[in-house]
N, C-alpha and C. Protein backbone atom coordinates (compact mmCIF):
# COMPACT_ATOMS: atom_id res chain seq x y z
N UNK A 1 0.76 -1.17 -0.26
CA UNK A 1 0.02 0.15 0.10
C UNK A 1 0.73 1.01 0.04
N UNK A 2 0.56 2.16 -0.77
CA UNK A 2 1.24 3.33 -1.07
C UNK A 2 0.61 4.45 -0.08
N UNK A 3 1.35 5.16 0.80
CA UNK A 3 0.77 6.28 1.53
C UNK A 3 1.29 7.40 1.15
N UNK A 4 2.13 7.66 0.06
CA UNK A 4 2.52 8.94 -0.43
C UNK A 4 1.27 9.87 -0.95
N UNK A 5 1.45 11.12 -0.70
CA UNK A 5 0.52 12.08 -0.89
C UNK A 5 0.55 11.96 -2.67
N UNK A 6 -0.74 12.24 -3.16
CA UNK A 6 -0.83 12.55 -4.54
C UNK A 6 -0.43 13.83 -4.92
N UNK A 7 -0.20 14.29 -6.26
CA UNK A 7 0.21 15.69 -6.62
C UNK A 7 -0.82 16.70 -6.10
N UNK A 8 -2.18 16.22 -6.26
CA UNK A 8 -3.19 17.11 -5.82
C UNK A 8 -3.19 17.46 -4.26
N UNK A 9 -3.07 16.27 -3.46
CA UNK A 9 -2.77 16.48 -2.16
C UNK A 9 -1.70 17.18 -1.84
N UNK A 10 -0.48 17.15 -2.43
CA UNK A 10 0.56 17.84 -2.18
C UNK A 10 0.43 19.28 -2.41
N UNK A 11 -0.49 19.77 -3.56
CA UNK A 11 -0.88 21.15 -3.71
C UNK A 11 -1.68 21.58 -2.54
N UNK A 12 -2.48 20.75 -1.93
CA UNK A 12 -3.48 21.22 -0.83
C UNK A 12 -2.56 21.56 0.27
N UNK A 13 -1.71 20.73 0.57
CA UNK A 13 -0.74 20.91 1.61
C UNK A 13 0.00 22.08 1.37
N UNK A 14 0.55 22.34 0.28
CA UNK A 14 1.29 23.53 -0.06
C UNK A 14 0.46 24.87 0.10
N UNK A 15 -0.64 24.93 -0.32
CA UNK A 15 -1.60 26.16 -0.49
C UNK A 15 -2.00 26.42 0.84
N UNK A 16 -2.29 25.42 1.84
CA UNK A 16 -2.63 25.76 3.11
C UNK A 16 -1.22 26.10 3.83
N UNK A 17 -0.30 25.64 3.60
CA UNK A 17 0.91 25.86 4.31
C UNK A 17 1.30 27.37 3.95
N UNK A 18 1.06 27.70 2.86
CA UNK A 18 1.20 29.10 2.35
C UNK A 18 0.34 30.28 3.33
N UNK A 19 -0.98 29.85 3.40
CA UNK A 19 -1.78 30.60 4.25
C UNK A 19 -1.30 30.84 5.73
N UNK A 20 -0.87 29.52 6.13
CA UNK A 20 -0.38 29.37 7.63
C UNK A 20 0.94 30.25 7.86
N UNK A 21 1.76 30.50 6.92
CA UNK A 21 2.84 31.33 7.17
C UNK A 21 2.52 32.64 7.59
N UNK A 22 1.56 33.05 7.29
CA UNK A 22 0.99 34.62 7.61
C UNK A 22 0.66 34.58 9.07
N UNK A 23 0.36 33.46 9.58
CA UNK A 23 0.09 33.32 11.13
C UNK A 23 1.15 32.64 11.82
N UNK A 24 2.24 33.23 12.17
CA UNK A 24 3.39 32.68 12.95
C UNK A 24 3.25 32.21 14.35
N UNK A 25 4.27 31.89 14.89
CA UNK A 25 4.33 31.39 16.33
C UNK A 25 3.83 32.57 17.25
N UNK A 26 4.15 33.68 17.11
CA UNK A 26 3.83 34.81 17.86
C UNK A 26 2.36 35.20 17.97
N UNK A 27 1.93 35.01 16.61
CA UNK A 27 0.20 35.13 16.48
C UNK A 27 -0.50 34.01 17.42
N UNK A 28 -0.21 32.79 17.44
CA UNK A 28 -0.52 31.86 18.15
C UNK A 28 -0.32 31.86 19.66
N UNK A 29 0.92 32.39 19.85
CA UNK A 29 1.21 32.47 21.38
C UNK A 29 0.28 33.62 21.99
N UNK A 30 0.25 34.62 21.20
CA UNK A 30 -0.62 35.68 21.77
C UNK A 30 -2.18 35.25 21.92
N UNK A 31 -2.68 34.41 21.01
CA UNK A 31 -3.94 33.72 21.04
C UNK A 31 -4.00 32.72 22.08
N UNK A 32 -3.11 31.86 22.68
CA UNK A 32 -3.01 31.31 23.60
C UNK A 32 -3.07 31.90 24.95
N UNK A 33 -2.40 33.12 24.96
CA UNK A 33 -2.22 33.87 26.16
C UNK A 33 -3.39 34.59 26.55
N UNK A 34 -3.95 35.44 25.57
CA UNK A 34 -5.16 36.34 25.50
C UNK A 34 -6.50 35.51 25.46
N UNK A 35 -6.50 34.53 24.83
CA UNK A 35 -7.47 33.92 24.36
C UNK A 35 -8.30 34.56 23.15
N UNK A 36 -9.45 34.07 22.78
CA UNK A 36 -10.23 34.63 21.69
C UNK A 36 -10.15 33.74 20.41
N UNK A 37 -11.01 34.03 19.71
CA UNK A 37 -11.16 33.25 18.45
C UNK A 37 -10.28 33.84 17.33
N UNK A 38 -9.62 32.98 16.47
CA UNK A 38 -8.70 33.43 15.67
C UNK A 38 -9.54 33.91 14.26
N UNK A 39 -10.53 34.94 14.38
CA UNK A 39 -11.20 35.20 13.25
C UNK A 39 -10.61 35.66 11.89
N UNK A 40 -9.24 36.12 12.05
CA UNK A 40 -8.61 36.56 10.94
C UNK A 40 -7.95 35.27 10.22
N UNK A 41 -7.55 34.38 10.97
CA UNK A 41 -7.17 33.01 10.52
C UNK A 41 -8.40 32.32 9.76
N UNK A 42 -9.63 32.22 10.44
CA UNK A 42 -10.68 31.51 9.81
C UNK A 42 -11.06 32.55 8.50
N UNK A 43 -11.06 33.82 8.55
CA UNK A 43 -11.53 34.46 7.36
C UNK A 43 -10.53 34.37 6.15
N UNK A 44 -8.99 34.08 6.65
CA UNK A 44 -8.22 33.70 5.50
C UNK A 44 -8.42 32.52 4.83
N UNK A 45 -8.69 31.51 5.57
CA UNK A 45 -9.20 30.25 4.99
C UNK A 45 -10.45 30.32 4.20
N UNK A 46 -11.46 31.07 4.56
CA UNK A 46 -12.68 31.35 3.98
C UNK A 46 -12.34 31.97 2.72
N UNK A 47 -11.62 33.13 2.71
CA UNK A 47 -11.29 33.92 1.27
C UNK A 47 -10.53 33.13 0.36
N UNK A 48 -10.00 32.24 0.99
CA UNK A 48 -9.06 31.48 -0.18
C UNK A 48 -9.88 30.09 -0.63
N UNK A 49 -11.26 29.97 -0.15
CA UNK A 49 -12.15 28.88 -0.51
C UNK A 49 -11.71 27.51 0.31
N UNK A 50 -11.12 27.38 1.24
CA UNK A 50 -10.80 26.26 1.92
C UNK A 50 -11.90 25.75 2.98
N UNK A 51 -12.55 26.65 3.49
CA UNK A 51 -13.89 26.04 4.42
C UNK A 51 -14.72 25.25 3.56
N UNK A 52 -14.81 25.03 2.28
CA UNK A 52 -15.69 24.29 1.66
C UNK A 52 -15.02 23.17 1.10
N UNK A 53 -13.90 22.82 1.51
CA UNK A 53 -13.05 21.66 0.76
C UNK A 53 -13.71 20.61 0.67
N UNK A 54 -14.74 20.12 1.48
CA UNK A 54 -15.28 18.69 1.22
C UNK A 54 -17.02 18.97 1.13
N UNK A 55 -17.37 20.17 0.69
CA UNK A 55 -18.62 20.61 0.55
C UNK A 55 -18.95 20.74 -1.13
N UNK A 56 -19.94 19.94 -1.53
CA UNK A 56 -20.11 19.80 -3.17
C UNK A 56 -20.10 21.33 -3.61
N UNK A 57 -19.60 21.17 -5.03
CA UNK A 57 -19.59 22.68 -5.74
C UNK A 57 -20.62 23.38 -5.95
N UNK A 58 -21.87 22.61 -5.99
CA UNK A 58 -23.21 23.35 -6.30
C UNK A 58 -23.52 24.09 -4.83
N UNK A 59 -23.00 23.94 -3.87
CA UNK A 59 -23.30 24.76 -2.58
C UNK A 59 -22.16 25.69 -2.38
N UNK A 60 -21.04 25.85 -3.23
CA UNK A 60 -20.27 26.77 -3.00
C UNK A 60 -18.76 26.28 -2.64
N UNK A 61 -18.85 24.80 -2.47
CA UNK A 61 -17.65 24.34 -1.98
C UNK A 61 -16.65 23.72 -3.26
N UNK A 62 -15.67 23.16 -2.73
CA UNK A 62 -14.55 22.47 -3.89
C UNK A 62 -15.07 21.08 -4.37
N UNK A 63 -15.69 20.17 -3.48
CA UNK A 63 -16.31 18.82 -3.68
C UNK A 63 -15.22 17.90 -3.50
N UNK A 64 -14.21 18.30 -2.73
CA UNK A 64 -13.04 17.29 -2.41
C UNK A 64 -13.43 16.33 -1.49
N UNK A 65 -12.50 15.40 -0.99
CA UNK A 65 -12.98 14.51 -0.03
C UNK A 65 -12.55 14.63 1.53
N UNK A 66 -12.92 13.85 2.22
CA UNK A 66 -12.63 14.02 3.56
C UNK A 66 -11.02 13.69 3.97
N UNK A 67 -10.49 12.97 3.07
CA UNK A 67 -9.13 12.61 3.01
C UNK A 67 -8.22 14.05 2.76
N UNK A 68 -8.84 14.65 1.77
CA UNK A 68 -8.17 15.95 1.49
C UNK A 68 -8.56 16.98 2.55
N UNK A 69 -9.36 16.99 3.23
CA UNK A 69 -9.67 17.70 4.25
C UNK A 69 -8.85 17.41 5.61
N UNK A 70 -8.70 16.31 5.85
CA UNK A 70 -7.52 15.82 6.81
C UNK A 70 -6.33 16.17 6.68
N UNK A 71 -5.92 16.34 5.30
CA UNK A 71 -4.61 16.71 4.91
C UNK A 71 -4.31 18.24 5.20
N UNK A 72 -5.58 19.15 5.09
CA UNK A 72 -5.67 20.58 5.40
C UNK A 72 -5.52 20.49 6.68
N UNK A 73 -6.29 19.94 7.38
CA UNK A 73 -6.18 19.99 8.98
C UNK A 73 -4.96 19.81 9.65
N UNK A 74 -4.25 18.45 9.09
CA UNK A 74 -2.96 18.31 9.51
C UNK A 74 -2.01 19.40 9.27
N UNK A 75 -2.07 19.95 7.91
CA UNK A 75 -1.09 20.95 7.84
C UNK A 75 -1.26 22.48 8.71
N UNK A 76 -2.43 22.37 9.11
CA UNK A 76 -2.92 23.50 9.90
C UNK A 76 -2.20 23.35 11.22
N UNK A 77 -2.40 22.33 11.65
CA UNK A 77 -1.83 21.73 12.94
C UNK A 77 -0.25 21.90 13.18
N UNK A 78 0.31 21.34 11.96
CA UNK A 78 1.78 21.31 11.80
C UNK A 78 2.46 22.69 11.79
N UNK A 79 1.68 23.75 11.33
CA UNK A 79 2.24 24.82 11.04
C UNK A 79 2.80 25.74 12.18
N UNK A 80 2.21 25.22 13.34
CA UNK A 80 2.39 25.91 14.40
C UNK A 80 1.18 26.37 15.13
N UNK A 81 0.05 26.26 14.48
CA UNK A 81 -1.17 26.81 14.99
C UNK A 81 -1.71 25.76 15.98
N UNK A 82 -1.22 24.39 15.75
CA UNK A 82 -1.57 23.35 16.88
C UNK A 82 -2.97 23.00 16.87
N UNK A 83 -3.49 22.76 17.96
CA UNK A 83 -5.12 22.48 17.97
C UNK A 83 -5.84 23.82 18.21
N UNK A 84 -5.11 24.99 18.30
CA UNK A 84 -5.92 26.22 18.33
C UNK A 84 -6.47 26.71 16.94
N UNK A 85 -5.59 26.42 15.97
CA UNK A 85 -5.86 26.70 14.62
C UNK A 85 -6.66 25.75 14.08
N UNK A 86 -6.72 24.45 14.47
CA UNK A 86 -7.30 23.34 13.92
C UNK A 86 -8.71 23.47 14.37
N UNK A 87 -8.85 23.85 15.70
CA UNK A 87 -10.16 23.87 16.33
C UNK A 87 -11.21 25.03 15.77
N UNK A 88 -10.32 26.02 15.12
CA UNK A 88 -10.93 27.24 14.54
C UNK A 88 -11.72 26.96 13.48
N UNK A 89 -11.42 25.76 12.79
CA UNK A 89 -11.96 25.45 11.41
C UNK A 89 -12.61 24.00 11.47
N UNK A 90 -12.06 23.09 12.29
CA UNK A 90 -12.54 21.71 12.14
C UNK A 90 -14.01 21.50 12.07
N UNK A 91 -14.72 22.05 12.79
CA UNK A 91 -16.25 21.80 12.92
C UNK A 91 -16.98 22.38 11.58
N UNK A 92 -16.43 23.33 11.03
CA UNK A 92 -17.01 23.89 9.84
C UNK A 92 -16.50 23.04 8.68
N UNK A 93 -15.47 22.29 8.80
CA UNK A 93 -15.00 21.43 7.67
C UNK A 93 -15.80 19.97 7.88
N UNK A 94 -15.52 19.48 9.05
CA UNK A 94 -16.08 18.05 9.22
C UNK A 94 -17.54 17.95 9.66
N UNK A 95 -17.86 19.04 10.43
CA UNK A 95 -19.33 18.99 11.32
C UNK A 95 -20.45 18.88 10.35
N UNK A 96 -20.19 19.47 9.24
CA UNK A 96 -21.37 19.58 8.27
C UNK A 96 -21.41 18.46 7.38
N UNK A 97 -20.85 17.42 7.44
CA UNK A 97 -20.78 16.25 6.40
C UNK A 97 -21.98 15.41 6.73
N UNK A 98 -22.76 15.42 7.70
CA UNK A 98 -24.02 14.77 7.68
C UNK A 98 -24.98 15.47 7.12
N UNK A 99 -24.96 16.89 6.94
CA UNK A 99 -25.75 17.84 6.03
C UNK A 99 -25.62 17.31 4.63
N UNK A 100 -24.32 17.34 4.37
CA UNK A 100 -24.00 16.92 2.92
C UNK A 100 -24.52 15.62 2.47
N UNK A 101 -24.35 14.82 3.38
CA UNK A 101 -24.56 13.17 3.11
C UNK A 101 -26.10 12.77 3.30
N UNK A 102 -26.84 13.36 4.39
CA UNK A 102 -28.05 12.89 4.54
C UNK A 102 -28.96 14.19 4.66
N UNK A 103 -28.61 15.43 4.25
CA UNK A 103 -29.60 16.34 4.16
C UNK A 103 -30.42 16.68 3.06
N UNK A 104 -31.62 17.32 3.26
CA UNK A 104 -32.25 17.65 1.93
C UNK A 104 -31.68 18.72 1.31
N UNK A 105 -32.12 18.83 -0.03
CA UNK A 105 -31.54 19.87 -0.77
C UNK A 105 -31.80 21.32 -0.21
N UNK A 106 -32.95 21.59 0.38
CA UNK A 106 -33.41 22.73 0.95
C UNK A 106 -32.44 23.06 2.27
N UNK A 107 -32.04 21.93 3.06
CA UNK A 107 -31.11 21.98 4.16
C UNK A 107 -29.80 22.46 3.75
N UNK A 108 -29.40 21.64 2.60
CA UNK A 108 -28.05 22.14 2.18
C UNK A 108 -27.78 23.56 1.45
N UNK A 109 -29.04 23.89 0.80
CA UNK A 109 -29.07 25.37 0.36
C UNK A 109 -28.77 26.30 1.47
N UNK A 110 -29.72 26.12 2.63
CA UNK A 110 -29.79 27.17 3.66
C UNK A 110 -28.49 26.96 4.54
N UNK A 111 -27.74 25.81 4.68
CA UNK A 111 -26.62 25.83 5.75
C UNK A 111 -25.35 25.74 5.12
N UNK A 112 -25.23 25.34 4.06
CA UNK A 112 -23.68 25.16 3.55
C UNK A 112 -23.06 26.34 2.85
N UNK A 113 -23.73 27.11 2.08
CA UNK A 113 -22.85 28.24 1.55
C UNK A 113 -22.54 29.43 2.88
N UNK A 114 -23.02 29.55 3.87
CA UNK A 114 -22.61 30.40 4.79
C UNK A 114 -21.39 29.94 5.59
N UNK A 115 -21.30 28.58 5.63
CA UNK A 115 -20.01 27.88 6.21
C UNK A 115 -18.93 28.12 5.11
N UNK A 116 -19.22 27.81 3.95
CA UNK A 116 -18.09 27.95 3.00
C UNK A 116 -17.64 29.20 2.86
N UNK A 117 -18.35 30.39 2.83
CA UNK A 117 -17.85 31.72 2.58
C UNK A 117 -17.39 32.14 3.86
N UNK A 118 -17.78 31.58 5.15
CA UNK A 118 -17.25 32.19 6.27
C UNK A 118 -18.15 33.02 7.12
N UNK A 119 -19.38 33.29 6.61
CA UNK A 119 -20.36 34.05 7.15
C UNK A 119 -20.81 33.53 8.56
N UNK A 120 -21.19 32.15 8.28
CA UNK A 120 -21.45 31.30 9.65
C UNK A 120 -20.37 30.35 10.08
N UNK A 121 -20.49 29.91 11.23
CA UNK A 121 -19.75 29.00 11.95
C UNK A 121 -20.40 27.99 12.52
N UNK A 122 -20.25 26.55 12.45
CA UNK A 122 -21.06 25.61 13.06
C UNK A 122 -20.34 25.12 14.34
N UNK A 123 -21.20 24.71 15.17
CA UNK A 123 -20.61 24.13 16.52
C UNK A 123 -20.98 22.62 16.87
N UNK A 124 -20.59 21.91 17.86
CA UNK A 124 -20.82 20.55 18.20
C UNK A 124 -21.34 20.79 19.53
N UNK A 125 -22.43 20.51 19.77
CA UNK A 125 -23.19 20.29 20.98
C UNK A 125 -23.19 19.09 21.83
N UNK A 126 -22.15 18.97 22.50
CA UNK A 126 -21.96 17.69 23.28
C UNK A 126 -22.16 17.83 24.80
N UNK A 127 -21.59 19.10 25.34
CA UNK A 127 -21.43 18.97 26.54
C UNK A 127 -22.91 19.44 27.19
N UNK A 128 -23.08 18.91 28.28
CA UNK A 128 -24.36 19.20 29.18
C UNK A 128 -24.19 19.39 30.47
N UNK A 129 -25.14 20.13 31.18
CA UNK A 129 -24.75 20.60 32.62
C UNK A 129 -24.39 19.49 33.64
N UNK A 130 -24.77 18.44 33.53
CA UNK A 130 -24.37 17.43 34.49
C UNK A 130 -23.52 16.10 34.01
N UNK A 131 -23.28 16.15 32.70
CA UNK A 131 -22.32 14.99 32.22
C UNK A 131 -20.91 15.74 31.57
N UNK A 132 -21.04 16.88 31.26
CA UNK A 132 -19.85 17.25 30.57
C UNK A 132 -19.59 16.62 29.09
N UNK A 133 -18.41 16.20 28.97
CA UNK A 133 -17.86 15.50 27.79
C UNK A 133 -18.24 13.99 27.91
N UNK A 134 -18.66 13.64 29.03
CA UNK A 134 -18.86 12.08 29.07
C UNK A 134 -20.20 11.53 28.39
N UNK A 135 -19.71 11.24 26.91
CA UNK A 135 -20.76 10.91 25.84
C UNK A 135 -21.59 9.83 26.45
N UNK A 136 -21.06 8.90 27.19
CA UNK A 136 -21.93 7.76 27.57
C UNK A 136 -22.90 8.11 28.55
N UNK A 137 -23.19 9.27 28.99
CA UNK A 137 -24.03 9.83 30.01
C UNK A 137 -24.89 10.79 29.57
N UNK A 138 -24.81 11.08 28.22
CA UNK A 138 -25.79 12.17 27.75
C UNK A 138 -27.19 11.83 27.88
N UNK A 139 -27.91 12.88 28.31
CA UNK A 139 -29.36 12.92 28.70
C UNK A 139 -30.23 13.34 27.37
N UNK A 140 -29.78 14.05 26.50
CA UNK A 140 -30.61 14.91 25.50
C UNK A 140 -30.79 13.65 24.51
N UNK A 141 -32.24 13.67 24.17
CA UNK A 141 -32.78 12.65 23.31
C UNK A 141 -33.59 13.35 22.31
N UNK A 142 -33.59 12.58 21.12
CA UNK A 142 -34.48 13.03 19.94
C UNK A 142 -35.64 11.88 19.85
N UNK A 143 -36.84 12.00 19.76
CA UNK A 143 -37.81 10.83 19.80
C UNK A 143 -38.73 11.36 18.73
N UNK A 144 -38.81 10.37 17.86
CA UNK A 144 -39.80 10.34 16.63
C UNK A 144 -41.12 10.63 17.24
N UNK A 145 -41.88 11.57 17.10
CA UNK A 145 -43.32 11.99 17.06
C UNK A 145 -44.14 12.38 15.96
N UNK A 146 -44.82 11.45 15.66
CA UNK A 146 -45.63 11.68 14.26
C UNK A 146 -44.55 11.73 13.09
N UNK A 147 -44.34 12.66 12.25
CA UNK A 147 -43.44 12.89 11.23
C UNK A 147 -42.29 13.78 11.45
N UNK A 148 -42.10 14.27 12.72
CA UNK A 148 -40.82 14.91 13.12
C UNK A 148 -40.32 14.40 14.56
N UNK A 149 -38.95 14.89 14.69
CA UNK A 149 -38.30 14.58 16.13
C UNK A 149 -38.61 15.78 17.23
N UNK A 150 -38.80 15.23 18.32
CA UNK A 150 -38.71 16.36 19.44
C UNK A 150 -37.48 16.20 20.29
N UNK A 151 -36.74 17.30 20.36
CA UNK A 151 -35.40 16.99 21.13
C UNK A 151 -35.77 17.55 22.42
N UNK A 152 -35.30 16.79 23.50
CA UNK A 152 -35.60 17.06 24.76
C UNK A 152 -34.12 17.15 25.55
N UNK A 153 -33.83 18.02 26.26
CA UNK A 153 -32.51 17.90 26.92
C UNK A 153 -31.87 19.32 27.10
N UNK A 154 -30.62 19.71 27.63
CA UNK A 154 -29.96 20.69 27.77
C UNK A 154 -28.69 20.58 27.30
N UNK A 155 -27.90 21.66 26.55
CA UNK A 155 -26.74 21.68 26.07
C UNK A 155 -26.20 22.80 26.69
N UNK A 156 -24.72 22.87 27.08
CA UNK A 156 -24.00 24.16 27.48
C UNK A 156 -22.85 24.18 26.80
N UNK A 157 -22.31 25.63 26.54
CA UNK A 157 -21.16 26.01 25.96
C UNK A 157 -20.97 25.60 24.76
N UNK A 158 -21.94 25.66 23.89
CA UNK A 158 -21.92 24.99 22.56
C UNK A 158 -22.17 26.09 21.47
N UNK A 159 -22.09 27.20 21.77
CA UNK A 159 -22.26 28.33 20.91
C UNK A 159 -20.85 29.14 20.58
N UNK A 160 -20.47 29.10 19.27
CA UNK A 160 -19.42 30.03 18.89
C UNK A 160 -19.60 31.45 19.52
N UNK A 161 -18.82 31.98 20.19
CA UNK A 161 -18.91 33.15 20.70
C UNK A 161 -18.95 34.25 19.46
N UNK A 162 -19.91 35.27 19.75
CA UNK A 162 -20.17 36.45 19.00
C UNK A 162 -20.28 36.18 17.48
N UNK A 163 -20.83 35.01 17.28
CA UNK A 163 -20.91 34.45 15.86
C UNK A 163 -22.34 33.78 15.87
N UNK A 164 -23.00 33.99 14.49
CA UNK A 164 -24.23 33.11 14.29
C UNK A 164 -23.56 31.58 14.37
N UNK A 165 -24.81 30.77 14.99
CA UNK A 165 -24.37 29.35 15.07
C UNK A 165 -25.41 28.68 14.24
N UNK A 166 -24.73 27.53 13.75
CA UNK A 166 -25.77 26.55 12.87
C UNK A 166 -25.51 25.39 13.80
N UNK A 167 -26.87 24.79 14.33
CA UNK A 167 -26.78 23.73 15.02
C UNK A 167 -27.27 22.64 14.13
N UNK A 168 -26.90 21.52 14.24
CA UNK A 168 -26.94 20.47 13.47
C UNK A 168 -27.40 19.27 14.29
N UNK A 169 -28.53 18.85 14.59
CA UNK A 169 -28.96 17.66 15.48
C UNK A 169 -29.19 16.58 14.32
N UNK A 170 -28.69 15.38 14.85
CA UNK A 170 -28.80 14.34 14.20
C UNK A 170 -28.87 13.31 15.52
N UNK A 171 -29.76 12.19 14.87
CA UNK A 171 -30.16 11.02 15.88
C UNK A 171 -29.36 9.74 15.31
N UNK A 172 -28.52 9.08 16.28
CA UNK A 172 -28.05 7.89 16.09
C UNK A 172 -28.98 6.86 15.37
N UNK A 173 -28.80 6.08 14.47
CA UNK A 173 -29.65 5.04 14.08
C UNK A 173 -29.77 4.03 14.95
N UNK A 174 -30.84 3.34 15.20
CA UNK A 174 -30.90 2.29 16.16
C UNK A 174 -29.78 1.51 16.36
N UNK A 175 -29.26 0.74 15.28
CA UNK A 175 -28.03 0.15 15.14
C UNK A 175 -26.85 0.48 15.91
N UNK A 176 -26.87 1.90 16.02
CA UNK A 176 -25.48 2.23 16.65
C UNK A 176 -25.66 2.39 18.26
N UNK A 177 -27.09 2.27 18.62
CA UNK A 177 -27.07 2.41 20.04
C UNK A 177 -27.04 1.04 20.62
N UNK A 178 -26.60 1.05 22.01
CA UNK A 178 -26.59 -0.21 22.84
C UNK A 178 -28.09 -0.70 23.14
């Protein structure tokens, strides 16, 4: 099995690396010390079209795959940005994949373009007041009632600060549950 990057994957790595050079160690150290979202880094990736790396072209993305997105994320992390840089964009890249794969056309038209162009940011609502990140103890449930799901429960700390949030709720198929 050959694990070498293809020419296309190398060009992704190089293009992302070039953007990342504008955000040096001093930039990330300042973010680590002072806190705050790296909005200018997020904007640079959006302006260059990278937030839509694995979103279909008809919704503004480039239509590449999850492997290509993983190469992008690895390059961001290796650049000195570490998890601070990767965390700033990973949910916008990977988090909307359920919408791409399982969403309706209306949902895709409504949710994806704003993520691709950086107007919107998505988030992952895992934490709950009494369980934290212990996903084995989550209490929030989605129950099919008639032709729609009713979601009951509480989430905490799940909204990107000072940004419009797009929440994507999905229910695990019965075969995934114990």
